[in-house]
């Protein structure tokens, strides 16, 4: 039986976390192991559970999985960049700089920090909330 990830981007605007949308992450056990120790033993970030301040929509999606969902966790923006750079440096991995399929407003993962975009001043932070199923 395979293991899949359910991952969602949340953005913080005016002090509140909001559901932005799904991250398109393909089944990759090396990535899953690196992110949360799933299907392996290496854990750079042990599972943290769902954030206490999770958005309503992301919480509803997690609730929908019920007992099939496991190893709930999240990564902050800087941790997401570390995961992406690890994938870029790891020649044996199938994932590279964009392992999350994240494109904010049609631009790259870090475009929300670019002052040329009008929305930059409103987005305070970004995180990836995720869990797995078997």
C-alpha atoms as a PDB file:
ATOM      1  CA  UNK A   1       0.000   0.000   0.000  1.00  0.00           C
ATOM      2  CA  UNK A   2       1.357   3.432  -0.920  1.00  0.00           C
ATOM      3  CA  UNK A   3       1.658   6.503   1.235  1.00  0.00           C
ATOM      4  CA  UNK A   4       0.528   9.884  -0.074  1.00  0.00           C
ATOM      5  CA  UNK A   5       0.837  13.404   1.261  1.00  0.00           C
ATOM      6  CA  UNK A   6      -1.948  15.929   1.695  1.00  0.00           C
ATOM      7  CA  UNK A   7      -0.311  19.353   1.772  1.00  0.00           C
ATOM      8  CA  UNK A   8      -1.727  22.861   1.852  1.00  0.00           C
ATOM      9  CA  UNK A   9      -0.227  26.317   1.788  1.00  0.00           C
ATOM     10  CA  UNK A  10      -1.384  28.799   4.371  1.00  0.00           C
ATOM     11  CA  UNK A  11      -0.575  32.504   4.304  1.00  0.00           C
ATOM     12  CA  UNK A  12      -0.647  34.897   7.221  1.00  0.00           C
ATOM     13  CA  UNK A  13      -2.419  38.178   6.502  1.00  0.00           C
ATOM     14  CA  UNK A  14      -3.110  40.806   9.158  1.00  0.00           C
ATOM     15  CA  UNK A  15      -2.090  38.362  11.893  1.00  0.00           C
ATOM     16  CA  UNK A  16      -4.429  35.557  10.813  1.00  0.00           C
ATOM     17  CA  UNK A  17      -3.590  32.357   8.908  1.00  0.00           C
ATOM     18  CA  UNK A  18      -5.634  31.733   5.752  1.00  0.00           C
ATOM     19  CA  UNK A  19      -5.887  28.708   3.482  1.00  0.00           C
ATOM     20  CA  UNK A  20      -4.141  29.599   0.193  1.00  0.00           C
ATOM     21  CA  UNK A  21      -4.442  26.292  -1.662  1.00  0.00           C
ATOM     22  CA  UNK A  22      -3.026  22.829  -2.198  1.00  0.00           C
ATOM     23  CA  UNK A  23       0.657  22.145  -2.741  1.00  0.00           C
ATOM     24  CA  UNK A  24       1.207  19.651  -5.529  1.00  0.00           C
ATOM     25  CA  UNK A  25       3.622  17.137  -4.056  1.00  0.00           C
ATOM     26  CA  UNK A  26       4.094  13.817  -5.795  1.00  0.00           C
ATOM     27  CA  UNK A  27       4.681  10.579  -3.934  1.00  0.00           C
ATOM     28  CA  UNK A  28       8.354  10.686  -2.993  1.00  0.00           C
ATOM     29  CA  UNK A  29       9.427   8.664   0.016  1.00  0.00           C
ATOM     30  CA  UNK A  30      12.817  10.419   0.218  1.00  0.00           C
ATOM     31  CA  UNK A  31      10.997  13.732   0.548  1.00  0.00           C
ATOM     32  CA  UNK A  32       8.478  12.317   3.040  1.00  0.00           C
ATOM     33  CA  UNK A  33      11.302  10.898   5.146  1.00  0.00           C
ATOM     34  CA  UNK A  34      13.181  14.195   5.121  1.00  0.00           C
ATOM     35  CA  UNK A  35      10.083  16.216   6.029  1.00  0.00           C
ATOM     36  CA  UNK A  36       8.623  14.029   8.772  1.00  0.00           C
ATOM     37  CA  UNK A  37      10.342  10.636   9.035  1.00  0.00           C
ATOM     38  CA  UNK A  38       7.528   8.943   7.087  1.00  0.00           C
ATOM     39  CA  UNK A  39       8.665   5.678   5.439  1.00  0.00           C
ATOM     40  CA  UNK A  40      12.109   6.069   6.960  1.00  0.00           C
ATOM     41  CA  UNK A  41      14.002   7.155  10.030  1.00  0.00           C
ATOM     42  CA  UNK A  42      15.676  10.433   9.107  1.00  0.00           C
ATOM     43  CA  UNK A  43      13.827  13.376  10.592  1.00  0.00           C
ATOM     44  CA  UNK A  44      15.042  16.917  10.295  1.00  0.00           C
ATOM     45  CA  UNK A  45      11.713  18.088  11.651  1.00  0.00           C
ATOM     46  CA  UNK A  46       9.842  15.592  13.845  1.00  0.00           C
ATOM     47  CA  UNK A  47       6.073  15.754  13.263  1.00  0.00           C
ATOM     48  CA  UNK A  48       4.561  18.691  15.155  1.00  0.00           C
ATOM     49  CA  UNK A  49       0.881  18.005  14.759  1.00  0.00           C
ATOM     50  CA  UNK A  50      -1.441  20.568  13.234  1.00  0.00           C
ATOM     51  CA  UNK A  51      -0.772  24.204  14.153  1.00  0.00           C
ATOM     52  CA  UNK A  52      -2.910  25.574  16.960  1.00  0.00           C
ATOM     53  CA  UNK A  53      -3.830  28.533  14.749  1.00  0.00           C
ATOM     54  CA  UNK A  54      -4.623  26.471  11.622  1.00  0.00           C
ATOM     55  CA  UNK A  55      -7.027  28.033   9.115  1.00  0.00           C
ATOM     56  CA  UNK A  56     -10.624  26.846   9.150  1.00  0.00           C
ATOM     57  CA  UNK A  57     -10.453  25.382   5.621  1.00  0.00           C
ATOM     58  CA  UNK A  58      -7.224  23.438   6.240  1.00  0.00           C
ATOM     59  CA  UNK A  59      -8.682  22.101   9.499  1.00  0.00           C
ATOM     60  CA  UNK A  60     -11.801  20.937   7.661  1.00  0.00           C
ATOM     61  CA  UNK A  61      -9.611  19.103   5.128  1.00  0.00           C
ATOM     62  CA  UNK A  62      -7.674  17.402   7.934  1.00  0.00           C
ATOM     63  CA  UNK A  63     -10.904  16.452   9.695  1.00  0.00           C
ATOM     64  CA  UNK A  64     -12.216  14.944   6.452  1.00  0.00           C
ATOM     65  CA  UNK A  65      -9.323  12.444   6.436  1.00  0.00           C
ATOM     66  CA  UNK A  66     -10.315  11.207   9.870  1.00  0.00           C
ATOM     67  CA  UNK A  67      -8.299   8.263  11.166  1.00  0.00           C
ATOM     68  CA  UNK A  68      -6.775   7.657   7.721  1.00  0.00           C
ATOM     69  CA  UNK A  69      -4.657  10.794   8.161  1.00  0.00           C
ATOM     70  CA  UNK A  70      -1.451  10.476  10.180  1.00  0.00           C
ATOM     71  CA  UNK A  71       1.830  12.217  10.960  1.00  0.00           C
ATOM     72  CA  UNK A  72       0.322  15.702  10.865  1.00  0.00           C
ATOM     73  CA  UNK A  73       2.893  18.478  10.747  1.00  0.00           C
ATOM     74  CA  UNK A  74       3.869  21.810   9.227  1.00  0.00           C
ATOM     75  CA  UNK A  75       6.931  23.637   7.961  1.00  0.00           C
ATOM     76  CA  UNK A  76       7.570  27.353   8.105  1.00  0.00           C
ATOM     77  CA  UNK A  77       8.758  29.246   5.055  1.00  0.00           C
ATOM     78  CA  UNK A  78      12.473  29.040   5.951  1.00  0.00           C
ATOM     79  CA  UNK A  79      12.139  25.292   6.544  1.00  0.00           C
ATOM     80  CA  UNK A  80      10.388  24.884   3.192  1.00  0.00           C
ATOM     81  CA  UNK A  81      13.349  26.592   1.527  1.00  0.00           C
ATOM     82  CA  UNK A  82      15.759  24.236   3.357  1.00  0.00           C
ATOM     83  CA  UNK A  83      13.790  21.218   2.122  1.00  0.00           C
ATOM     84  CA  UNK A  84      13.834  22.590  -1.416  1.00  0.00           C
ATOM     85  CA  UNK A  85      17.599  23.275  -1.300  1.00  0.00           C
ATOM     86  CA  UNK A  86      18.250  19.813   0.124  1.00  0.00           C
ATOM     87  CA  UNK A  87      16.361  18.322  -2.814  1.00  0.00           C
ATOM     88  CA  UNK A  88      18.324  20.493  -5.219  1.00  0.00           C
ATOM     89  CA  UNK A  89      21.651  19.342  -3.734  1.00  0.00           C
ATOM     90  CA  UNK A  90      20.682  15.665  -3.421  1.00  0.00           C
ATOM     91  CA  UNK A  91      21.444  14.153  -6.821  1.00  0.00           C
ATOM     92  CA  UNK A  92      19.622  10.897  -6.035  1.00  0.00           C
ATOM     93  CA  UNK A  93      16.374  12.618  -5.178  1.00  0.00           C
ATOM     94  CA  UNK A  94      13.558  12.994  -7.678  1.00  0.00           C
ATOM     95  CA  UNK A  95      12.537  16.374  -6.277  1.00  0.00           C
ATOM     96  CA  UNK A  96      14.271  19.663  -6.951  1.00  0.00           C
ATOM     97  CA  UNK A  97      13.873  23.333  -6.047  1.00  0.00           C
ATOM     98  CA  UNK A  98      10.085  23.343  -6.515  1.00  0.00           C
ATOM     99  CA  UNK A  99       9.099  20.178  -4.618  1.00  0.00           C
ATOM    100  CA  UNK A 100       5.920  21.831  -3.383  1.00  0.00           C
ATOM    101  CA  UNK A 101       4.494  23.033  -6.682  1.00  0.00           C
ATOM    102  CA  UNK A 102       4.030  26.439  -5.105  1.00  0.00           C
ATOM    103  CA  UNK A 103       3.462  29.387  -7.375  1.00  0.00           C
ATOM    104  CA  UNK A 104       2.120  32.454  -5.617  1.00  0.00           C
ATOM    105  CA  UNK A 105       0.073  34.536  -7.995  1.00  0.00           C
ATOM    106  CA  UNK A 106       1.784  32.868 -10.954  1.00  0.00           C
ATOM    107  CA  UNK A 107       5.301  33.424  -9.635  1.00  0.00           C
ATOM    108  CA  UNK A 108       7.888  31.430  -7.677  1.00  0.00           C
ATOM    109  CA  UNK A 109       7.855  30.240  -4.082  1.00  0.00           C
ATOM    110  CA  UNK A 110       9.470  33.378  -2.703  1.00  0.00           C
ATOM    111  CA  UNK A 111       7.659  35.978  -4.818  1.00  0.00           C
ATOM    112  CA  UNK A 112       5.577  36.984  -1.790  1.00  0.00           C
ATOM    113  CA  UNK A 113       8.738  38.607  -0.374  1.00  0.00           C
ATOM    114  CA  UNK A 114       9.490  40.539  -3.571  1.00  0.00           C
ATOM    115  CA  UNK A 115       8.611  44.239  -3.106  1.00  0.00           C
ATOM    116  CA  UNK A 116       7.637  44.628  -6.777  1.00  0.00           C
ATOM    117  CA  UNK A 117       4.418  42.677  -6.119  1.00  0.00           C
ATOM    118  CA  UNK A 118       1.553  44.662  -4.628  1.00  0.00           C
ATOM    119  CA  UNK A 119       0.526  41.853  -2.275  1.00  0.00           C
ATOM    120  CA  UNK A 120       3.943  41.640  -0.601  1.00  0.00           C
ATOM    121  CA  UNK A 121       3.024  44.130   2.098  1.00  0.00           C
ATOM    122  CA  UNK A 122      -0.052  42.158   3.169  1.00  0.00           C
ATOM    123  CA  UNK A 123       1.409  38.632   3.368  1.00  0.00           C
ATOM    124  CA  UNK A 124       3.335  38.345   6.612  1.00  0.00           C
ATOM    125  CA  UNK A 125       4.321  34.684   6.491  1.00  0.00           C
ATOM    126  CA  UNK A 126       3.827  31.410   4.633  1.00  0.00           C
ATOM    127  CA  UNK A 127       3.746  27.801   5.839  1.00  0.00           C
ATOM    128  CA  UNK A 128       3.055  24.294   4.574  1.00  0.00           C
ATOM    129  CA  UNK A 129       0.579  22.210   6.602  1.00  0.00           C
ATOM    130  CA  UNK A 130       0.541  18.516   5.750  1.00  0.00           C
ATOM    131  CA  UNK A 131      -0.286  14.954   6.761  1.00  0.00           C
ATOM    132  CA  UNK A 132      -0.085  11.529   5.170  1.00  0.00           C
ATOM    133  CA  UNK A 133      -2.390   8.602   4.456  1.00  0.00           C
ATOM    134  CA  UNK A 134      -1.843   4.940   3.612  1.00  0.00           C
END
